N, C-alpha and C. Protein backbone atom coordinates (compact mmCIF):
# COMPACT_ATOMS: atom_id res chain seq x y z
N MET A 1 63.84 13.14 6.96
CA MET A 1 62.50 13.02 6.43
C MET A 1 61.53 13.72 7.38
N THR A 2 60.66 14.53 6.82
CA THR A 2 59.68 15.26 7.64
C THR A 2 58.50 14.35 7.98
N TRP A 3 57.66 14.81 8.88
CA TRP A 3 56.51 13.99 9.30
C TRP A 3 55.52 13.81 8.15
N ARG A 4 55.44 14.79 7.25
CA ARG A 4 54.53 14.66 6.10
C ARG A 4 55.00 13.55 5.17
N GLU A 5 56.29 13.55 4.91
CA GLU A 5 56.83 12.51 4.02
C GLU A 5 56.68 11.13 4.64
N ARG A 6 56.93 11.05 5.95
CA ARG A 6 56.79 9.76 6.64
C ARG A 6 55.34 9.28 6.64
N SER A 7 54.39 10.20 6.89
CA SER A 7 52.98 9.78 6.90
C SER A 7 52.52 9.41 5.50
N GLY A 8 53.01 10.14 4.49
CA GLY A 8 52.67 9.79 3.10
C GLY A 8 53.22 8.44 2.71
N GLN A 9 54.46 8.18 3.12
CA GLN A 9 55.09 6.89 2.83
C GLN A 9 54.34 5.76 3.53
N ALA A 10 53.94 5.97 4.78
CA ALA A 10 53.20 4.94 5.53
C ALA A 10 51.85 4.67 4.87
N LEU A 11 51.21 5.71 4.39
CA LEU A 11 49.91 5.54 3.73
C LEU A 11 50.08 4.79 2.41
N ARG A 12 51.11 5.14 1.64
CA ARG A 12 51.35 4.46 0.37
C ARG A 12 51.63 2.98 0.57
N GLU A 13 52.35 2.63 1.61
CA GLU A 13 52.67 1.23 1.88
C GLU A 13 51.44 0.42 2.22
N ARG A 14 50.45 1.05 2.80
CA ARG A 14 49.24 0.33 3.20
C ARG A 14 48.19 0.26 2.09
N MET A 15 48.37 1.01 1.02
CA MET A 15 47.42 0.99 -0.09
C MET A 15 47.63 -0.26 -0.93
N PRO A 16 46.56 -0.83 -1.48
CA PRO A 16 46.72 -1.97 -2.39
C PRO A 16 47.55 -1.56 -3.61
N VAL A 17 48.24 -2.52 -4.20
CA VAL A 17 49.13 -2.26 -5.33
C VAL A 17 48.35 -1.71 -6.52
N TRP A 18 47.18 -2.29 -6.81
CA TRP A 18 46.40 -1.82 -7.96
C TRP A 18 45.97 -0.37 -7.79
N LEU A 19 45.70 0.06 -6.54
CA LEU A 19 45.32 1.44 -6.30
C LEU A 19 46.53 2.36 -6.42
N GLN A 20 47.69 1.90 -5.97
CA GLN A 20 48.91 2.69 -6.12
C GLN A 20 49.24 2.90 -7.59
N ALA A 21 49.09 1.85 -8.38
CA ALA A 21 49.42 1.94 -9.80
C ALA A 21 48.40 2.79 -10.55
N ARG A 22 47.17 2.72 -10.13
CA ARG A 22 46.10 3.41 -10.87
C ARG A 22 46.10 4.91 -10.61
N CYS A 23 46.17 5.31 -9.37
CA CYS A 23 46.00 6.74 -9.10
C CYS A 23 47.04 7.32 -8.16
N GLY A 24 48.13 6.74 -7.98
CA GLY A 24 49.20 7.25 -7.13
C GLY A 24 48.74 8.33 -6.15
N LEU A 25 49.23 8.29 -4.96
CA LEU A 25 48.75 9.20 -3.93
C LEU A 25 49.70 10.38 -3.80
N GLU A 26 49.29 11.47 -4.36
CA GLU A 26 50.04 12.71 -4.22
C GLU A 26 49.36 13.54 -3.13
N ARG A 27 50.05 14.54 -2.70
CA ARG A 27 49.50 15.39 -1.64
C ARG A 27 48.21 16.05 -2.10
N ARG A 28 48.18 16.50 -3.34
CA ARG A 28 47.01 17.16 -3.89
C ARG A 28 45.82 16.20 -3.95
N SER A 29 46.06 14.97 -4.33
CA SER A 29 44.99 13.96 -4.43
C SER A 29 44.42 13.66 -3.05
N ALA A 30 45.29 13.51 -2.07
CA ALA A 30 44.84 13.22 -0.71
C ALA A 30 44.03 14.38 -0.15
N THR A 31 44.47 15.60 -0.42
CA THR A 31 43.73 16.78 0.04
C THR A 31 42.36 16.86 -0.62
N ALA A 32 42.30 16.61 -1.92
CA ALA A 32 41.02 16.63 -2.62
C ALA A 32 40.07 15.57 -2.08
N LEU A 33 40.61 14.39 -1.81
CA LEU A 33 39.80 13.31 -1.26
C LEU A 33 39.28 13.67 0.13
N ALA A 34 40.13 14.27 0.95
CA ALA A 34 39.72 14.67 2.30
C ALA A 34 38.63 15.74 2.24
N VAL A 35 38.77 16.72 1.35
CA VAL A 35 37.76 17.76 1.20
C VAL A 35 36.44 17.16 0.73
N LEU A 36 36.51 16.23 -0.20
CA LEU A 36 35.30 15.57 -0.69
C LEU A 36 34.60 14.80 0.42
N LEU A 37 35.36 14.08 1.24
CA LEU A 37 34.76 13.32 2.34
C LEU A 37 34.15 14.23 3.39
N VAL A 38 34.80 15.34 3.70
CA VAL A 38 34.25 16.29 4.67
C VAL A 38 32.96 16.91 4.13
N ALA A 39 32.95 17.28 2.85
CA ALA A 39 31.74 17.85 2.25
C ALA A 39 30.60 16.84 2.27
N ALA A 40 30.89 15.58 1.97
CA ALA A 40 29.85 14.54 2.01
C ALA A 40 29.32 14.35 3.42
N ALA A 41 30.22 14.38 4.40
CA ALA A 41 29.79 14.23 5.80
C ALA A 41 28.92 15.41 6.23
N LEU A 42 29.29 16.63 5.85
CA LEU A 42 28.48 17.80 6.18
C LEU A 42 27.11 17.73 5.51
N PHE A 43 27.07 17.31 4.27
CA PHE A 43 25.79 17.16 3.57
C PHE A 43 24.91 16.13 4.27
N ALA A 44 25.49 15.01 4.68
CA ALA A 44 24.72 13.97 5.37
C ALA A 44 24.17 14.48 6.70
N VAL A 45 25.00 15.20 7.45
CA VAL A 45 24.54 15.76 8.73
C VAL A 45 23.40 16.74 8.50
N GLN A 46 23.54 17.62 7.53
CA GLN A 46 22.48 18.60 7.24
C GLN A 46 21.21 17.90 6.80
N HIS A 47 21.33 16.89 5.98
CA HIS A 47 20.16 16.16 5.47
C HIS A 47 19.40 15.49 6.61
N PHE A 48 20.10 14.80 7.48
CA PHE A 48 19.44 14.11 8.57
C PHE A 48 18.95 15.07 9.64
N TRP A 49 19.64 16.19 9.84
CA TRP A 49 19.21 17.15 10.85
C TRP A 49 17.92 17.84 10.41
N SER A 50 17.81 18.20 9.15
CA SER A 50 16.60 18.88 8.68
C SER A 50 15.43 17.91 8.52
N GLY A 51 15.69 16.62 8.43
CA GLY A 51 14.63 15.64 8.26
C GLY A 51 14.13 15.05 9.55
N ARG A 52 14.63 15.53 10.69
CA ARG A 52 14.18 14.95 11.97
C ARG A 52 12.73 15.36 12.25
N THR A 53 12.07 14.57 13.06
CA THR A 53 10.67 14.86 13.37
C THR A 53 10.59 16.01 14.35
N GLN A 54 9.54 16.80 14.19
CA GLN A 54 9.31 17.93 15.08
C GLN A 54 7.88 17.83 15.60
N PRO A 55 7.67 18.14 16.86
CA PRO A 55 6.32 18.06 17.41
C PRO A 55 5.42 19.12 16.79
N VAL A 56 4.18 18.75 16.57
CA VAL A 56 3.19 19.66 16.01
C VAL A 56 2.08 19.82 17.02
N ALA A 57 1.78 21.04 17.38
CA ALA A 57 0.72 21.30 18.35
C ALA A 57 -0.62 21.36 17.63
N ALA A 58 -1.60 20.67 18.15
CA ALA A 58 -2.94 20.69 17.57
C ALA A 58 -3.59 22.03 17.88
N PRO A 59 -4.37 22.58 16.93
CA PRO A 59 -5.04 23.85 17.19
C PRO A 59 -6.11 23.68 18.26
N GLU A 60 -6.33 24.74 19.01
CA GLU A 60 -7.33 24.70 20.06
C GLU A 60 -8.71 24.87 19.44
N VAL A 61 -9.64 24.00 19.79
CA VAL A 61 -10.99 24.05 19.25
C VAL A 61 -11.89 24.70 20.29
N VAL A 62 -12.59 25.75 19.87
CA VAL A 62 -13.51 26.44 20.77
C VAL A 62 -14.92 26.00 20.40
N ARG A 63 -15.60 25.38 21.37
CA ARG A 63 -16.96 24.91 21.11
C ARG A 63 -17.89 25.41 22.20
N GLU A 64 -19.10 25.70 21.81
CA GLU A 64 -20.15 26.02 22.76
C GLU A 64 -21.25 25.00 22.56
N ALA A 65 -21.94 24.68 23.61
CA ALA A 65 -23.06 23.76 23.48
C ALA A 65 -24.15 24.42 22.65
N ALA A 66 -24.88 23.63 21.85
CA ALA A 66 -25.90 24.19 20.96
C ALA A 66 -27.01 24.87 21.74
N GLY A 67 -27.38 24.40 22.91
CA GLY A 67 -28.46 25.00 23.69
C GLY A 67 -27.96 25.95 24.75
N HIS A 68 -26.68 26.28 24.74
CA HIS A 68 -26.08 27.12 25.77
C HIS A 68 -26.41 28.58 25.51
N ARG A 69 -26.79 29.31 26.58
CA ARG A 69 -27.02 30.74 26.47
C ARG A 69 -26.04 31.46 27.37
N ALA A 70 -25.63 32.62 26.97
CA ALA A 70 -24.71 33.41 27.78
C ALA A 70 -25.42 33.84 29.05
N PRO A 71 -24.70 34.00 30.18
CA PRO A 71 -25.33 34.38 31.44
C PRO A 71 -26.08 35.70 31.35
N ASP A 72 -25.56 36.70 30.62
CA ASP A 72 -26.26 37.98 30.49
C ASP A 72 -27.56 37.81 29.73
N ALA A 73 -27.59 36.95 28.72
CA ALA A 73 -28.80 36.74 27.93
C ALA A 73 -29.85 36.04 28.77
N ALA A 74 -29.44 35.15 29.67
CA ALA A 74 -30.41 34.45 30.52
C ALA A 74 -31.05 35.41 31.50
N LYS A 75 -30.30 36.41 31.98
CA LYS A 75 -30.86 37.40 32.90
C LYS A 75 -31.79 38.36 32.18
N ALA A 76 -31.50 38.64 30.91
CA ALA A 76 -32.31 39.59 30.15
C ALA A 76 -33.69 39.05 29.90
N GLY A 77 -33.84 37.74 29.77
CA GLY A 77 -35.15 37.11 29.62
C GLY A 77 -35.75 37.32 28.26
N ALA A 78 -36.49 38.39 28.05
CA ALA A 78 -37.24 38.60 26.81
C ALA A 78 -36.33 38.78 25.61
N GLY A 79 -35.15 39.32 25.79
CA GLY A 79 -34.25 39.57 24.67
C GLY A 79 -33.44 38.36 24.26
N ALA A 80 -33.50 37.27 25.01
CA ALA A 80 -32.70 36.09 24.72
C ALA A 80 -33.33 35.26 23.61
N VAL A 81 -32.48 34.62 22.81
CA VAL A 81 -32.96 33.73 21.77
C VAL A 81 -33.21 32.38 22.40
N ALA A 82 -34.41 31.87 22.31
CA ALA A 82 -34.77 30.61 22.95
C ALA A 82 -34.14 29.44 22.22
N GLY A 83 -33.37 28.61 22.95
CA GLY A 83 -32.83 27.37 22.40
C GLY A 83 -31.68 27.53 21.43
N GLY A 84 -31.25 28.74 21.12
CA GLY A 84 -30.15 28.93 20.17
C GLY A 84 -28.85 29.19 20.89
N ALA A 85 -27.77 29.11 20.17
CA ALA A 85 -26.46 29.39 20.75
C ALA A 85 -26.27 30.89 20.75
N ALA A 86 -25.85 31.42 21.86
CA ALA A 86 -25.62 32.85 21.97
C ALA A 86 -24.18 33.15 21.58
N PRO A 87 -23.96 33.86 20.47
CA PRO A 87 -22.59 34.12 20.05
C PRO A 87 -21.93 35.11 21.00
N THR A 88 -20.66 34.87 21.27
CA THR A 88 -19.88 35.80 22.06
C THR A 88 -18.92 36.51 21.12
N ALA A 89 -18.28 37.53 21.62
CA ALA A 89 -17.36 38.28 20.78
C ALA A 89 -16.23 37.38 20.29
N GLY A 90 -16.09 37.23 18.99
CA GLY A 90 -15.02 36.43 18.42
C GLY A 90 -15.30 34.94 18.36
N ALA A 91 -16.44 34.49 18.87
CA ALA A 91 -16.77 33.07 18.85
C ALA A 91 -17.65 32.79 17.64
N GLU A 92 -17.07 32.94 16.48
CA GLU A 92 -17.82 32.79 15.24
C GLU A 92 -17.01 31.95 14.27
N ILE A 93 -17.68 31.12 13.49
CA ILE A 93 -17.00 30.32 12.48
C ILE A 93 -17.58 30.67 11.12
N VAL A 94 -16.80 30.45 10.10
CA VAL A 94 -17.23 30.70 8.72
C VAL A 94 -17.26 29.36 8.00
N VAL A 95 -18.43 29.06 7.40
CA VAL A 95 -18.64 27.77 6.76
C VAL A 95 -19.13 28.00 5.34
N ASP A 96 -18.60 27.23 4.39
CA ASP A 96 -19.04 27.28 3.00
C ASP A 96 -20.04 26.15 2.79
N VAL A 97 -21.30 26.51 2.52
CA VAL A 97 -22.34 25.51 2.29
C VAL A 97 -22.66 25.54 0.80
N GLY A 98 -22.55 24.39 0.15
CA GLY A 98 -22.79 24.32 -1.29
C GLY A 98 -23.57 23.09 -1.67
N GLY A 99 -23.79 22.95 -2.95
CA GLY A 99 -24.53 21.79 -3.44
C GLY A 99 -26.01 22.12 -3.57
N LYS A 100 -26.84 21.17 -3.19
CA LYS A 100 -28.29 21.29 -3.38
C LYS A 100 -28.96 21.92 -2.17
N VAL A 101 -28.64 23.20 -1.93
CA VAL A 101 -29.30 23.99 -0.90
C VAL A 101 -29.91 25.22 -1.56
N ARG A 102 -30.84 25.86 -0.85
CA ARG A 102 -31.54 27.01 -1.44
C ARG A 102 -30.65 28.24 -1.58
N GLU A 103 -29.77 28.49 -0.62
CA GLU A 103 -28.90 29.66 -0.66
C GLU A 103 -27.44 29.24 -0.45
N PRO A 104 -26.77 28.68 -1.47
CA PRO A 104 -25.37 28.27 -1.28
C PRO A 104 -24.48 29.50 -1.10
N GLY A 105 -23.42 29.30 -0.37
CA GLY A 105 -22.47 30.38 -0.17
C GLY A 105 -21.77 30.28 1.17
N VAL A 106 -21.09 31.35 1.52
CA VAL A 106 -20.35 31.41 2.78
C VAL A 106 -21.27 31.99 3.85
N HIS A 107 -21.38 31.28 4.97
CA HIS A 107 -22.26 31.70 6.06
C HIS A 107 -21.46 31.78 7.35
N ARG A 108 -21.80 32.78 8.17
CA ARG A 108 -21.18 32.95 9.49
C ARG A 108 -22.12 32.38 10.53
N LEU A 109 -21.57 31.50 11.37
CA LEU A 109 -22.37 30.82 12.40
C LEU A 109 -21.66 30.95 13.74
N PRO A 110 -22.42 30.82 14.84
CA PRO A 110 -21.76 30.84 16.14
C PRO A 110 -20.88 29.60 16.33
N ALA A 111 -19.83 29.74 17.10
CA ALA A 111 -18.96 28.60 17.39
C ALA A 111 -19.77 27.53 18.09
N GLY A 112 -19.51 26.28 17.77
CA GLY A 112 -20.25 25.17 18.35
C GLY A 112 -21.46 24.76 17.52
N SER A 113 -21.62 25.38 16.35
CA SER A 113 -22.75 25.04 15.48
C SER A 113 -22.54 23.67 14.86
N ARG A 114 -23.64 23.08 14.45
CA ARG A 114 -23.60 21.75 13.84
C ARG A 114 -23.95 21.87 12.36
N VAL A 115 -23.84 20.77 11.65
CA VAL A 115 -24.15 20.75 10.21
C VAL A 115 -25.61 21.16 9.99
N ALA A 116 -26.51 20.73 10.86
CA ALA A 116 -27.93 21.09 10.73
C ALA A 116 -28.12 22.60 10.80
N ASP A 117 -27.34 23.29 11.65
CA ASP A 117 -27.42 24.75 11.74
C ASP A 117 -26.94 25.40 10.44
N ALA A 118 -25.92 24.84 9.83
CA ALA A 118 -25.41 25.38 8.56
C ALA A 118 -26.44 25.19 7.45
N LEU A 119 -27.13 24.05 7.46
CA LEU A 119 -28.17 23.82 6.45
C LEU A 119 -29.32 24.81 6.63
N ARG A 120 -29.70 25.10 7.88
CA ARG A 120 -30.75 26.10 8.13
C ARG A 120 -30.30 27.47 7.66
N ALA A 121 -29.02 27.83 7.90
CA ALA A 121 -28.50 29.13 7.47
C ALA A 121 -28.50 29.25 5.96
N ALA A 122 -28.38 28.13 5.25
CA ALA A 122 -28.38 28.13 3.79
C ALA A 122 -29.79 28.01 3.22
N GLY A 123 -30.81 28.17 4.05
CA GLY A 123 -32.19 28.15 3.56
C GLY A 123 -32.78 26.76 3.45
N GLY A 124 -32.07 25.76 3.88
CA GLY A 124 -32.59 24.39 3.83
C GLY A 124 -32.15 23.65 2.59
N VAL A 125 -32.47 22.37 2.58
CA VAL A 125 -32.09 21.48 1.48
C VAL A 125 -33.16 21.53 0.41
N ARG A 126 -32.75 21.53 -0.85
CA ARG A 126 -33.71 21.50 -1.96
C ARG A 126 -34.43 20.17 -2.01
N ASP A 127 -35.62 20.19 -2.60
CA ASP A 127 -36.41 18.96 -2.75
C ASP A 127 -35.65 17.96 -3.62
N GLY A 128 -35.65 16.71 -3.20
CA GLY A 128 -35.01 15.64 -3.97
C GLY A 128 -33.54 15.45 -3.67
N ALA A 129 -32.96 16.30 -2.83
CA ALA A 129 -31.54 16.15 -2.50
C ALA A 129 -31.37 15.02 -1.50
N LYS A 130 -30.39 14.17 -1.74
CA LYS A 130 -30.13 13.05 -0.84
C LYS A 130 -29.12 13.49 0.21
N ILE A 131 -29.50 13.36 1.47
CA ILE A 131 -28.61 13.74 2.56
C ILE A 131 -28.31 12.54 3.45
N ASP A 132 -28.39 11.34 2.87
CA ASP A 132 -28.16 10.12 3.64
C ASP A 132 -26.73 10.07 4.20
N GLY A 133 -25.75 10.50 3.45
CA GLY A 133 -24.35 10.41 3.89
C GLY A 133 -23.89 11.62 4.68
N LEU A 134 -24.80 12.52 5.03
CA LEU A 134 -24.44 13.75 5.72
C LEU A 134 -24.79 13.63 7.20
N ASN A 135 -23.82 13.74 8.07
CA ASN A 135 -24.04 13.68 9.51
C ASN A 135 -24.44 15.07 9.99
N ARG A 136 -25.74 15.27 10.19
CA ARG A 136 -26.25 16.59 10.55
C ARG A 136 -25.97 16.95 12.01
N ALA A 137 -25.55 16.00 12.82
CA ALA A 137 -25.27 16.27 14.23
C ALA A 137 -23.80 16.59 14.49
N ARG A 138 -22.96 16.56 13.46
CA ARG A 138 -21.52 16.78 13.62
C ARG A 138 -21.23 18.26 13.86
N PHE A 139 -20.29 18.54 14.78
CA PHE A 139 -19.85 19.91 15.02
C PHE A 139 -19.06 20.41 13.81
N LEU A 140 -19.21 21.69 13.51
CA LEU A 140 -18.46 22.31 12.42
C LEU A 140 -17.22 22.99 12.97
N VAL A 141 -16.22 23.12 12.12
CA VAL A 141 -15.02 23.88 12.46
C VAL A 141 -14.89 25.04 11.47
N ASP A 142 -14.13 26.03 11.86
CA ASP A 142 -13.96 27.22 11.03
C ASP A 142 -13.29 26.86 9.71
N GLY A 143 -13.84 27.38 8.61
CA GLY A 143 -13.27 27.15 7.29
C GLY A 143 -13.72 25.87 6.62
N GLU A 144 -14.69 25.20 7.19
CA GLU A 144 -15.13 23.91 6.64
C GLU A 144 -16.09 24.12 5.47
N GLN A 145 -16.16 23.13 4.59
CA GLN A 145 -17.09 23.15 3.47
C GLN A 145 -18.06 21.99 3.64
N VAL A 146 -19.35 22.30 3.53
CA VAL A 146 -20.40 21.29 3.61
C VAL A 146 -21.05 21.24 2.23
N VAL A 147 -21.00 20.07 1.59
CA VAL A 147 -21.59 19.91 0.26
C VAL A 147 -22.77 18.96 0.38
N VAL A 148 -23.94 19.42 -0.05
CA VAL A 148 -25.17 18.63 0.03
C VAL A 148 -25.43 18.01 -1.33
N GLY A 149 -25.74 16.71 -1.33
CA GLY A 149 -26.08 16.01 -2.56
C GLY A 149 -24.88 15.42 -3.27
N ALA A 150 -23.70 15.55 -2.70
CA ALA A 150 -22.50 14.96 -3.31
C ALA A 150 -22.49 13.47 -3.02
N PRO A 151 -21.88 12.66 -3.88
CA PRO A 151 -21.81 11.22 -3.62
C PRO A 151 -21.08 10.93 -2.31
N VAL A 152 -21.53 9.91 -1.62
CA VAL A 152 -20.93 9.52 -0.35
C VAL A 152 -19.57 8.88 -0.63
N PRO A 153 -18.49 9.36 0.04
CA PRO A 153 -17.18 8.75 -0.20
C PRO A 153 -17.16 7.31 0.31
N ALA A 154 -16.48 6.43 -0.44
CA ALA A 154 -16.45 5.01 -0.08
C ALA A 154 -15.48 4.73 1.02
């Protein structure tokens, strides 16, 4: 008797009688079962491996103080904008201002601008618009949308 026959015989002896009678264990059946179990194990490993958590890096926020002036502008004196943020190369954000403003649309503002600066860039708020739920002192981020007169979220 070869080792295959002996191992098959040992396996058959350990199987319950109802299972032996129902599906008899042939070499082909055992091979198919083994392939099925390996495929299921590989699928489970792939599923859990792709679903693991991965660290996400937060984007870097570039802000300038609202009253900050660039050192060159402070030396220039007369050419400097008093009290405004001095934009530097690439330090610009794009904000969509909509709702009840005089000039709705996309506006470019210096980095570090606040909601109040965006409202000024849009020509101001129309008469009768309610801005109670709008935090005008909040810093803006690039790509943000500011809607004036929209209902306050609960």
